[in-house]
PDB file of N, CA and C in Angstrom:
ATOM      1  N   MET A   1     127.729 137.348  98.163  1.00  0.00           N
ATOM      2  CA  MET A   1     128.506 138.328  98.901  1.00  0.00           C
ATOM      3  C   MET A   1     128.511 138.020 100.389  1.00  0.00           C
ATOM      4  N   LEU A   2     127.375 137.575 100.933  1.00  0.00           N
ATOM      5  CA  LEU A   2     127.323 137.246 102.358  1.00  0.00           C
ATOM      6  C   LEU A   2     128.363 136.197 102.717  1.00  0.00           C
ATOM      7  N   ALA A   3     128.501 135.188 101.882  1.00  0.00           N
ATOM      8  CA  ALA A   3     129.473 134.139 102.166  1.00  0.00           C
ATOM      9  C   ALA A   3     130.883 134.709 102.256  1.00  0.00           C
ATOM     10  N   LEU A   4     131.212 135.652 101.394  1.00  0.00           N
ATOM     11  CA  LEU A   4     132.534 136.266 101.441  1.00  0.00           C
ATOM     12  C   LEU A   4     132.731 137.054 102.715  1.00  0.00           C
ATOM     13  N   LEU A   5     131.713 137.799 103.122  1.00  0.00           N
ATOM     14  CA  LEU A   5     131.818 138.580 104.350  1.00  0.00           C
ATOM     15  C   LEU A   5     131.971 137.676 105.559  1.00  0.00           C
ATOM     16  N   LEU A   6     131.196 136.607 105.595  1.00  0.00           N
ATOM     17  CA  LEU A   6     131.258 135.715 106.738  1.00  0.00           C
ATOM     18  C   LEU A   6     132.555 134.924 106.751  1.00  0.00           C
ATOM     19  N   ALA A   7     133.046 134.572 105.599  1.00  0.00           N
ATOM     20  CA  ALA A   7     134.288 133.817 105.533  1.00  0.00           C
ATOM     21  C   ALA A   7     135.453 134.619 106.101  1.00  0.00           C
ATOM     22  N   CYS A   8     135.395 135.913 105.946  1.00  0.00           N
ATOM     23  CA  CYS A   8     136.458 136.769 106.469  1.00  0.00           C
ATOM     24  C   CYS A   8     136.361 136.935 107.975  1.00  0.00           C
ATOM     25  N   GLY A   9     135.179 136.682 108.535  1.00  0.00           N
ATOM     26  CA  GLY A   9     135.011 136.815 109.967  1.00  0.00           C
ATOM     27  C   GLY A   9     134.842 138.246 110.422  1.00  0.00           C
ATOM     28  N   HIS A  10     134.588 139.162 109.498  1.00  0.00           N
ATOM     29  CA  HIS A  10     134.408 140.557 109.863  1.00  0.00           C
ATOM     30  C   HIS A  10     133.177 141.096 109.161  1.00  0.00           C
ATOM     31  N   PRO A  11     132.371 141.889 109.871  1.00  0.00           N
ATOM     32  CA  PRO A  11     131.180 142.432 109.259  1.00  0.00           C
ATOM     33  C   PRO A  11     131.516 143.487 108.212  1.00  0.00           C
ATOM     34  N   ALA A  12     130.547 143.798 107.392  1.00  0.00           N
ATOM     35  CA  ALA A  12     130.722 144.840 106.388  1.00  0.00           C
ATOM     36  C   ALA A  12     131.072 146.152 107.061  1.00  0.00           C
ATOM     37  N   ASP A  13     131.848 146.964 106.381  1.00  0.00           N
ATOM     38  CA  ASP A  13     132.306 148.224 106.957  1.00  0.00           C
ATOM     39  C   ASP A  13     131.375 149.363 106.563  1.00  0.00           C
ATOM     40  N   THR A  14     130.094 149.182 106.857  1.00  0.00           N
ATOM     41  CA  THR A  14     129.121 150.232 106.591  1.00  0.00           C
ATOM     42  C   THR A  14     128.270 150.436 107.820  1.00  0.00           C
ATOM     43  N   ALA A  15     127.902 151.669 108.062  1.00  0.00           N
ATOM     44  CA  ALA A  15     127.164 152.006 109.281  1.00  0.00           C
ATOM     45  C   ALA A  15     125.777 151.391 109.317  1.00  0.00           C
ATOM     46  N   ASP A  16     125.156 151.156 108.156  1.00  0.00           N
ATOM     47  CA  ASP A  16     123.788 150.667 108.183  1.00  0.00           C
ATOM     48  C   ASP A  16     123.678 149.147 108.197  1.00  0.00           C
ATOM     49  N   THR A  17     124.769 148.399 108.178  1.00  0.00           N
ATOM     50  CA  THR A  17     124.653 146.949 108.222  1.00  0.00           C
ATOM     51  C   THR A  17     125.195 146.350 109.509  1.00  0.00           C
ATOM     52  N   ALA A  18     126.323 146.804 109.997  1.00  0.00           N
ATOM     53  CA  ALA A  18     126.861 146.228 111.219  1.00  0.00           C
ATOM     54  C   ALA A  18     128.005 147.074 111.741  1.00  0.00           C
ATOM     55  N   SER A  19     128.324 146.856 112.992  1.00  0.00           N
ATOM     56  CA  SER A  19     129.443 147.535 113.618  1.00  0.00           C
ATOM     57  C   SER A  19     130.671 146.650 113.516  1.00  0.00           C
ATOM     58  N   SER A  20     131.839 147.256 113.621  1.00  0.00           N
ATOM     59  CA  SER A  20     133.061 146.477 113.528  1.00  0.00           C
ATOM     60  C   SER A  20     133.369 145.792 114.851  1.00  0.00           C
ATOM     61  N   CYS A  21     134.278 144.836 114.789  1.00  0.00           N
ATOM     62  CA  CYS A  21     134.686 144.109 115.978  1.00  0.00           C
ATOM     63  C   CYS A  21     135.202 145.081 117.034  1.00  0.00           C
ATOM     64  N   GLY A  22     134.762 144.870 118.252  1.00  0.00           N
ATOM     65  CA  GLY A  22     135.172 145.730 119.339  1.00  0.00           C
ATOM     66  C   GLY A  22     134.280 146.935 119.536  1.00  0.00           C
ATOM     67  N   ASP A  23     133.314 147.115 118.661  1.00  0.00           N
ATOM     68  CA  ASP A  23     132.384 148.232 118.787  1.00  0.00           C
ATOM     69  C   ASP A  23     131.351 147.866 119.846  1.00  0.00           C
ATOM     70  N   ASP A  24     131.355 148.581 120.962  1.00  0.00           N
ATOM     71  CA  ASP A  24     130.472 148.208 122.059  1.00  0.00           C
ATOM     72  C   ASP A  24     128.995 148.538 121.813  1.00  0.00           C
ATOM     73  N   THR A  25     128.647 149.050 120.646  1.00  0.00           N
ATOM     74  CA  THR A  25     127.229 149.272 120.359  1.00  0.00           C
ATOM     75  C   THR A  25     126.535 147.957 120.006  1.00  0.00           C
ATOM     76  N   VAL A  26     127.289 146.927 119.665  1.00  0.00           N
ATOM     77  CA  VAL A  26     126.729 145.599 119.417  1.00  0.00           C
ATOM     78  C   VAL A  26     126.984 144.792 120.691  1.00  0.00           C
ATOM     79  N   SER A  27     126.111 144.956 121.653  1.00  0.00           N
ATOM     80  CA  SER A  27     126.295 144.346 122.962  1.00  0.00           C
ATOM     81  C   SER A  27     125.205 143.309 123.225  1.00  0.00           C
ATOM     82  N   TRP A  28     125.300 142.667 124.365  1.00  0.00           N
ATOM     83  CA  TRP A  28     124.253 141.735 124.792  1.00  0.00           C
ATOM     84  C   TRP A  28     122.926 142.477 124.907  1.00  0.00           C
ATOM     85  N   GLN A  29     122.950 143.658 125.506  1.00  0.00           N
ATOM     86  CA  GLN A  29     121.730 144.425 125.717  1.00  0.00           C
ATOM     87  C   GLN A  29     121.137 144.934 124.403  1.00  0.00           C
ATOM     88  N   SER A  30     121.977 145.418 123.507  1.00  0.00           N
ATOM     89  CA  SER A  30     121.468 146.035 122.280  1.00  0.00           C
ATOM     90  C   SER A  30     121.181 145.033 121.171  1.00  0.00           C
ATOM     91  N   PHE A  31     121.807 143.853 121.224  1.00  0.00           N
ATOM     92  CA  PHE A  31     121.622 142.893 120.145  1.00  0.00           C
ATOM     93  C   PHE A  31     121.536 141.441 120.622  1.00  0.00           C
ATOM     94  N   GLY A  32     122.545 140.969 121.326  1.00  0.00           N
ATOM     95  CA  GLY A  32     122.674 139.543 121.638  1.00  0.00           C
ATOM     96  C   GLY A  32     121.468 138.932 122.306  1.00  0.00           C
ATOM     97  N   HIS A  33     120.994 139.541 123.376  1.00  0.00           N
ATOM     98  CA  HIS A  33     119.864 138.970 124.112  1.00  0.00           C
ATOM     99  C   HIS A  33     118.648 138.799 123.206  1.00  0.00           C
ATOM    100  N   GLY A  34     118.318 139.810 122.450  1.00  0.00           N
ATOM    101  CA  GLY A  34     117.177 139.723 121.537  1.00  0.00           C
ATOM    102  C   GLY A  34     117.383 138.691 120.446  1.00  0.00           C
ATOM    103  N   PHE A  35     118.602 138.592 119.923  1.00  0.00           N
ATOM    104  CA  PHE A  35     118.903 137.593 118.896  1.00  0.00           C
ATOM    105  C   PHE A  35     118.651 136.193 119.427  1.00  0.00           C
ATOM    106  N   PHE A  36     119.192 135.893 120.603  1.00  0.00           N
ATOM    107  CA  PHE A  36     119.038 134.546 121.162  1.00  0.00           C
ATOM    108  C   PHE A  36     117.594 134.260 121.546  1.00  0.00           C
ATOM    109  N   LEU A  37     116.884 135.253 122.047  1.00  0.00           N
ATOM    110  CA  LEU A  37     115.458 135.052 122.327  1.00  0.00           C
ATOM    111  C   LEU A  37     114.696 134.712 121.048  1.00  0.00           C
ATOM    112  N   THR A  38     114.994 135.412 119.984  1.00  0.00           N
ATOM    113  CA  THR A  38     114.278 135.243 118.719  1.00  0.00           C
ATOM    114  C   THR A  38     114.629 133.940 118.019  1.00  0.00           C
ATOM    115  N   TYR A  39     115.899 133.620 117.918  1.00  0.00           N
ATOM    116  CA  TYR A  39     116.337 132.524 117.058  1.00  0.00           C
ATOM    117  C   TYR A  39     116.777 131.253 117.787  1.00  0.00           C
ATOM    118  N   CYS A  40     117.091 131.327 119.067  1.00  0.00           N
ATOM    119  CA  CYS A  40     117.765 130.194 119.707  1.00  0.00           C
ATOM    120  C   CYS A  40     117.049 129.606 120.924  1.00  0.00           C
ATOM    121  N   ASN A  41     116.446 130.446 121.731  1.00  0.00           N
ATOM    122  CA  ASN A  41     115.982 129.995 123.036  1.00  0.00           C
ATOM    123  C   ASN A  41     114.777 129.067 123.011  1.00  0.00           C
ATOM    124  N   ALA A  42     114.110 128.914 121.881  1.00  0.00           N
ATOM    125  CA  ALA A  42     113.024 127.932 121.826  1.00  0.00           C
ATOM    126  C   ALA A  42     113.579 126.538 122.125  1.00  0.00           C
ATOM    127  N   CYS A  43     114.814 126.285 121.711  1.00  0.00           N
ATOM    128  CA  CYS A  43     115.470 124.992 121.958  1.00  0.00           C
ATOM    129  C   CYS A  43     116.583 125.101 122.995  1.00  0.00           C
ATOM    130  N   HIS A  44     117.292 126.237 123.005  1.00  0.00           N
ATOM    131  CA  HIS A  44     118.483 126.418 123.844  1.00  0.00           C
ATOM    132  C   HIS A  44     118.195 127.303 125.045  1.00  0.00           C
ATOM    133  N   SER A  45     117.252 126.878 125.869  1.00  0.00           N
ATOM    134  CA  SER A  45     116.937 127.580 127.112  1.00  0.00           C
ATOM    135  C   SER A  45     116.749 126.549 128.209  1.00  0.00           C
ATOM    136  N   GLN A  46     117.156 126.898 129.401  1.00  0.00           N
ATOM    137  CA  GLN A  46     116.972 125.990 130.534  1.00  0.00           C
ATOM    138  C   GLN A  46     115.495 125.662 130.743  1.00  0.00           C
ATOM    139  N   ASP A  47     114.621 126.569 130.343  1.00  0.00           N
ATOM    140  CA  ASP A  47     113.185 126.397 130.540  1.00  0.00           C
ATOM    141  C   ASP A  47     112.472 125.774 129.349  1.00  0.00           C
ATOM    142  N   SER A  48     113.198 125.451 128.287  1.00  0.00           N
ATOM    143  CA  SER A  48     112.583 124.912 127.083  1.00  0.00           C
ATOM    144  C   SER A  48     112.044 123.512 127.334  1.00  0.00           C
ATOM    145  N   GLU A  49     110.794 123.304 126.982  1.00  0.00           N
ATOM    146  CA  GLU A  49     110.187 121.979 127.122  1.00  0.00           C
ATOM    147  C   GLU A  49     110.409 121.132 125.876  1.00  0.00           C
ATOM    148  N   THR A  50     110.691 121.772 124.739  1.00  0.00           N
ATOM    149  CA  THR A  50     110.902 121.069 123.475  1.00  0.00           C
ATOM    150  C   THR A  50     112.244 121.496 122.914  1.00  0.00           C
ATOM    151  N   ARG A  51     113.297 120.750 123.220  1.00  0.00           N
ATOM    152  CA  ARG A  51     114.651 121.137 122.836  1.00  0.00           C
ATOM    153  C   ARG A  51     115.024 120.705 121.424  1.00  0.00           C
ATOM    154  N   HIS A  52     114.246 119.871 120.790  1.00  0.00           N
ATOM    155  CA  HIS A  52     114.519 119.404 119.420  1.00  0.00           C
ATOM    156  C   HIS A  52     115.955 118.922 119.250  1.00  0.00           C
ATOM    157  N   GLY A  53     116.457 118.201 120.231  1.00  0.00           N
ATOM    158  CA  GLY A  53     117.797 117.628 120.135  1.00  0.00           C
ATOM    159  C   GLY A  53     118.921 118.507 120.656  1.00  0.00           C
ATOM    160  N   ALA A  54     118.615 119.702 121.119  1.00  0.00           N
ATOM    161  CA  ALA A  54     119.672 120.559 121.676  1.00  0.00           C
ATOM    162  C   ALA A  54     120.265 119.881 122.908  1.00  0.00           C
ATOM    163  N   PRO A  55     121.578 119.791 122.976  1.00  0.00           N
ATOM    164  CA  PRO A  55     122.202 119.104 124.114  1.00  0.00           C
ATOM    165  C   PRO A  55     121.882 119.794 125.442  1.00  0.00           C
ATOM    166  N   PRO A  56     121.654 119.015 126.488  1.00  0.00           N
ATOM    167  CA  PRO A  56     121.449 119.618 127.818  1.00  0.00           C
ATOM    168  C   PRO A  56     122.654 120.477 128.187  1.00  0.00           C
ATOM    169  N   GLY A  57     122.379 121.619 128.755  1.00  0.00           N
ATOM    170  CA  GLY A  57     123.444 122.517 129.184  1.00  0.00           C
ATOM    171  C   GLY A  57     123.922 123.482 128.121  1.00  0.00           C
ATOM    172  N   VAL A  58     123.492 123.300 126.873  1.00  0.00           N
ATOM    173  CA  VAL A  58     123.844 124.265 125.826  1.00  0.00           C
ATOM    174  C   VAL A  58     122.666 125.228 125.725  1.00  0.00           C
ATOM    175  N   ASP A  59     122.701 126.197 126.624  1.00  0.00           N
ATOM    176  CA  ASP A  59     121.618 127.164 126.768  1.00  0.00           C
ATOM    177  C   ASP A  59     122.163 128.569 126.580  1.00  0.00           C
ATOM    178  N   PHE A  60     121.283 129.459 126.113  1.00  0.00           N
ATOM    179  CA  PHE A  60     121.690 130.836 125.836  1.00  0.00           C
ATOM    180  C   PHE A  60     120.791 131.833 126.553  1.00  0.00           C
ATOM    181  N   ASP A  61     120.485 131.547 127.808  1.00  0.00           N
ATOM    182  CA  ASP A  61     119.632 132.440 128.592  1.00  0.00           C
ATOM    183  C   ASP A  61     120.385 133.661 129.106  1.00  0.00           C
ATOM    184  N   THR A  62     121.690 133.543 129.254  1.00  0.00           N
ATOM    185  CA  THR A  62     122.492 134.633 129.816  1.00  0.00           C
ATOM    186  C   THR A  62     123.681 134.938 128.910  1.00  0.00           C
ATOM    187  N   LEU A  63     124.252 136.091 129.112  1.00  0.00           N
ATOM    188  CA  LEU A  63     125.464 136.476 128.387  1.00  0.00           C
ATOM    189  C   LEU A  63     126.565 135.448 128.610  1.00  0.00           C
ATOM    190  N   GLU A  64     126.751 135.026 129.846  1.00  0.00           N
ATOM    191  CA  GLU A  64     127.819 134.085 130.162  1.00  0.00           C
ATOM    192  C   GLU A  64     127.636 132.766 129.420  1.00  0.00           C
ATOM    193  N   GLN A  65     126.403 132.277 129.348  1.00  0.00           N
ATOM    194  CA  GLN A  65     126.147 131.027 128.636  1.00  0.00           C
ATOM    195  C   GLN A  65     126.439 131.172 127.145  1.00  0.00           C
ATOM    196  N   ALA A  66     125.972 132.247 126.548  1.00  0.00           N
ATOM    197  CA  ALA A  66     126.199 132.467 125.117  1.00  0.00           C
ATOM    198  C   ALA A  66     127.690 132.669 124.841  1.00  0.00           C
ATOM    199  N   LYS A  67     128.338 133.441 125.681  1.00  0.00           N
ATOM    200  CA  LYS A  67     129.768 133.710 125.493  1.00  0.00           C
ATOM    201  C   LYS A  67     130.585 132.422 125.587  1.00  0.00           C
ATOM    202  N   SER A  68     130.210 131.525 126.472  1.00  0.00           N
ATOM    203  CA  SER A  68     130.956 130.272 126.631  1.00  0.00           C
ATOM    204  C   SER A  68     130.842 129.376 125.397  1.00  0.00           C
ATOM    205  N   GLN A  69     129.840 129.614 124.574  1.00  0.00           N
ATOM    206  CA  GLN A  69     129.618 128.819 123.366  1.00  0.00           C
ATOM    207  C   GLN A  69     129.901 129.613 122.086  1.00  0.00           C
ATOM    208  N   SER A  70     130.583 130.747 122.202  1.00  0.00           N
ATOM    209  CA  SER A  70     130.729 131.648 121.047  1.00  0.00           C
ATOM    210  C   SER A  70     131.378 130.979 119.842  1.00  0.00           C
ATOM    211  N   GLU A  71     132.384 130.138 120.060  1.00  0.00           N
ATOM    212  CA  GLU A  71     133.032 129.478 118.928  1.00  0.00           C
ATOM    213  C   GLU A  71     132.069 128.540 118.208  1.00  0.00           C
ATOM    214  N   ARG A  72     131.286 127.769 118.970  1.00  0.00           N
ATOM    215  CA  ARG A  72     130.316 126.845 118.367  1.00  0.00           C
ATOM    216  C   ARG A  72     129.180 127.610 117.692  1.00  0.00           C
ATOM    217  N   ILE A  73     128.764 128.713 118.283  1.00  0.00           N
ATOM    218  CA  ILE A  73     127.719 129.533 117.660  1.00  0.00           C
ATOM    219  C   ILE A  73     128.208 130.024 116.305  1.00  0.00           C
ATOM    220  N   ARG A  74     129.446 130.500 116.250  1.00  0.00           N
ATOM    221  CA  ARG A  74     130.021 130.973 114.983  1.00  0.00           C
ATOM    222  C   ARG A  74     130.010 129.853 113.942  1.00  0.00           C
ATOM    223  N   VAL A  75     130.475 128.678 114.332  1.00  0.00           N
ATOM    224  CA  VAL A  75     130.535 127.552 113.396  1.00  0.00           C
ATOM    225  C   VAL A  75     129.144 127.178 112.912  1.00  0.00           C
ATOM    226  N   ARG A  76     128.200 127.002 113.821  1.00  0.00           N
ATOM    227  CA  ARG A  76     126.883 126.482 113.446  1.00  0.00           C
ATOM    228  C   ARG A  76     126.021 127.512 112.724  1.00  0.00           C
ATOM    229  N   VAL A  77     126.053 128.773 113.174  1.00  0.00           N
ATOM    230  CA  VAL A  77     125.168 129.786 112.581  1.00  0.00           C
ATOM    231  C   VAL A  77     125.806 130.468 111.376  1.00  0.00           C
ATOM    232  N   LEU A  78     127.069 130.835 111.473  1.00  0.00           N
ATOM    233  CA  LEU A  78     127.702 131.605 110.403  1.00  0.00           C
ATOM    234  C   LEU A  78     128.434 130.743 109.381  1.00  0.00           C
ATOM    235  N   ASP A  79     129.178 129.754 109.837  1.00  0.00           N
ATOM    236  CA  ASP A  79     129.982 128.957 108.908  1.00  0.00           C
ATOM    237  C   ASP A  79     129.154 127.850 108.236  1.00  0.00           C
ATOM    238  N   GLN A  80     128.587 126.957 109.028  1.00  0.00           N
ATOM    239  CA  GLN A  80     127.813 125.847 108.481  1.00  0.00           C
ATOM    240  C   GLN A  80     126.385 126.255 108.107  1.00  0.00           C
ATOM    241  N   GLN A  81     125.895 127.275 108.750  1.00  0.00           N
ATOM    242  CA  GLN A  81     124.532 127.787 108.544  1.00  0.00           C
ATOM    243  C   GLN A  81     123.473 126.697 108.693  1.00  0.00           C
ATOM    244  N   ASP A  82     123.658 125.811 109.693  1.00  0.00           N
ATOM    245  CA  ASP A  82     122.658 124.784 109.972  1.00  0.00           C
ATOM    246  C   ASP A  82     121.879 125.066 111.257  1.00  0.00           C
ATOM    247  N   MET A  83     122.124 126.210 111.846  1.00  0.00           N
ATOM    248  CA  MET A  83     121.364 126.687 112.993  1.00  0.00           C
ATOM    249  C   MET A  83     120.972 128.128 112.720  1.00  0.00           C
ATOM    250  N   PRO A  84     119.824 128.543 113.176  1.00  0.00           N
ATOM    251  CA  PRO A  84     118.810 127.742 113.853  1.00  0.00           C
ATOM    252  C   PRO A  84     118.132 126.779 112.892  1.00  0.00           C
ATOM    253  N   LEU A  85     117.519 125.751 113.462  1.00  0.00           N
ATOM    254  CA  LEU A  85     116.774 124.804 112.639  1.00  0.00           C
ATOM    255  C   LEU A  85     115.752 125.571 111.820  1.00  0.00           C
ATOM    256  N   GLY A  86     115.714 125.331 110.552  1.00  0.00           N
ATOM    257  CA  GLY A  86     114.767 126.022 109.678  1.00  0.00           C
ATOM    258  C   GLY A  86     115.272 127.348 109.151  1.00  0.00           C
ATOM    259  N   GLY A  87     116.447 127.800 109.598  1.00  0.00           N
ATOM    260  CA  GLY A  87     117.020 129.045 109.091  1.00  0.00           C
ATOM    261  C   GLY A  87     116.207 130.261 109.476  1.00  0.00           C
ATOM    262  N   GLY A  88     116.136 131.204 108.559  1.00  0.00           N
ATOM    263  CA  GLY A  88     115.320 132.385 108.771  1.00  0.00           C
ATOM    264  C   GLY A  88     116.027 133.600 109.330  1.00  0.00           C
ATOM    265  N   VAL A  89     117.336 133.524 109.565  1.00  0.00           N
ATOM    266  CA  VAL A  89     118.066 134.674 110.093  1.00  0.00           C
ATOM    267  C   VAL A  89     118.381 135.608 108.927  1.00  0.00           C
ATOM    268  N   SER A  90     118.019 136.875 109.090  1.00  0.00           N
ATOM    269  CA  SER A  90     118.258 137.849 108.026  1.00  0.00           C
ATOM    270  C   SER A  90     119.758 138.103 107.852  1.00  0.00           C
ATOM    271  N   GLU A  91     120.129 138.565 106.673  1.00  0.00           N
ATOM    272  CA  GLU A  91     121.531 138.896 106.405  1.00  0.00           C
ATOM    273  C   GLU A  91     122.025 139.963 107.386  1.00  0.00           C
ATOM    274  N   ALA A  92     121.185 140.939 107.682  1.00  0.00           N
ATOM    275  CA  ALA A  92     121.574 142.000 108.626  1.00  0.00           C
ATOM    276  C   ALA A  92     121.855 141.415 110.009  1.00  0.00           C
ATOM    277  N   ASP A  93     121.006 140.484 110.467  1.00  0.00           N
ATOM    278  CA  ASP A  93     121.232 139.871 111.774  1.00  0.00           C
ATOM    279  C   ASP A  93     122.471 138.980 111.771  1.00  0.00           C
ATOM    280  N   LEU A  94     122.761 138.319 110.652  1.00  0.00           N
ATOM    281  CA  LEU A  94     123.983 137.519 110.566  1.00  0.00           C
ATOM    282  C   LEU A  94     125.222 138.407 110.683  1.00  0.00           C
ATOM    283  N   LEU A  95     125.189 139.548 110.051  1.00  0.00           N
ATOM    284  CA  LEU A  95     126.316 140.490 110.142  1.00  0.00           C
ATOM    285  C   LEU A  95     126.476 141.020 111.563  1.00  0.00           C
ATOM    286  N   LEU A  96     125.363 141.328 112.198  1.00  0.00           N
ATOM    287  CA  LEU A  96     125.424 141.799 113.585  1.00  0.00           C
ATOM    288  C   LEU A  96     125.895 140.691 114.520  1.00  0.00           C
ATOM    289  N   LEU A  97     125.450 139.464 114.277  1.00  0.00           N
ATOM    290  CA  LEU A  97     125.925 138.345 115.091  1.00  0.00           C
ATOM    291  C   LEU A  97     127.430 138.189 114.942  1.00  0.00           C
ATOM    292  N   ASP A  98     127.936 138.295 113.728  1.00  0.00           N
ATOM    293  CA  ASP A  98     129.371 138.216 113.498  1.00  0.00           C
ATOM    294  C   ASP A  98     130.096 139.292 114.302  1.00  0.00           C
ATOM    295  N   ALA A  99     129.595 140.507 114.280  1.00  0.00           N
ATOM    296  CA  ALA A  99     130.217 141.602 115.040  1.00  0.00           C
ATOM    297  C   ALA A  99     130.146 141.325 116.538  1.00  0.00           C
ATOM    298  N   TRP A 100     129.011 140.825 117.008  1.00  0.00           N
ATOM    299  CA  TRP A 100     128.850 140.535 118.431  1.00  0.00           C
ATOM    300  C   TRP A 100     129.807 139.421 118.859  1.00  0.00           C
ATOM    301  N   LEU A 101     129.872 138.345 118.069  1.00  0.00           N
ATOM    302  CA  LEU A 101     130.780 137.245 118.400  1.00  0.00           C
ATOM    303  C   LEU A 101     132.227 137.700 118.393  1.00  0.00           C
ATOM    304  N   CYS A 102     132.602 138.509 117.440  1.00  0.00           N
ATOM    305  CA  CYS A 102     133.958 139.040 117.368  1.00  0.00           C
ATOM    306  C   CYS A 102     134.296 139.811 118.645  1.00  0.00           C
ATOM    307  N   THR A 103     133.366 140.609 119.093  1.00  0.00           N
ATOM    308  CA  THR A 103     133.556 141.377 120.328  1.00  0.00           C
ATOM    309  C   THR A 103     133.698 140.449 121.528  1.00  0.00           C
ATOM    310  N   MET A 104     132.838 139.411 121.601  1.00  0.00           N
ATOM    311  CA  MET A 104     132.899 138.459 122.725  1.00  0.00           C
ATOM    312  C   MET A 104     134.209 137.680 122.698  1.00  0.00           C
ATOM    313  N   GLU A 105     134.641 137.279 121.534  1.00  0.00           N
ATOM    314  CA  GLU A 105     135.867 136.482 121.414  1.00  0.00           C
ATOM    315  C   GLU A 105     137.106 137.310 121.725  1.00  0.00           C
ATOM    316  N   ALA A 106     137.029 138.624 121.545  1.00  0.00           N
ATOM    317  CA  ALA A 106     138.169 139.495 121.808  1.00  0.00           C
ATOM    318  C   ALA A 106     138.342 139.807 123.297  1.00  0.00           C
ATOM    319  N   GLN A 107     137.325 139.517 124.085  1.00  0.00           N
ATOM    320  CA  GLN A 107     137.390 139.847 125.528  1.00  0.00           C
ATOM    321  C   GLN A 107     138.098 138.786 126.319  1.00  0.00           C
TER     322      GLN A 107
END
């Protein structure tokens, strides 16, 4: 079922799993910053000493940096599911990421 939801590019339409595109409750402050700290910044931070092959300059320390890479984040995390290295992102967080990316891409 997750694959079907992600393929559509829209989160589930239920209050307990994710908000819809354009819903400002899925913001950098409420979701994005914590998501990137948890799953991405070990490799994708300007301060990371061990990037594990992450390209220089592909960092997610700020909203602007993450927003500039939103299309690639969608492809790598949601479509190809090869990031983060080792996986581990919960289905709920994937749905919220989809909603957050949708909001960023609509701006």
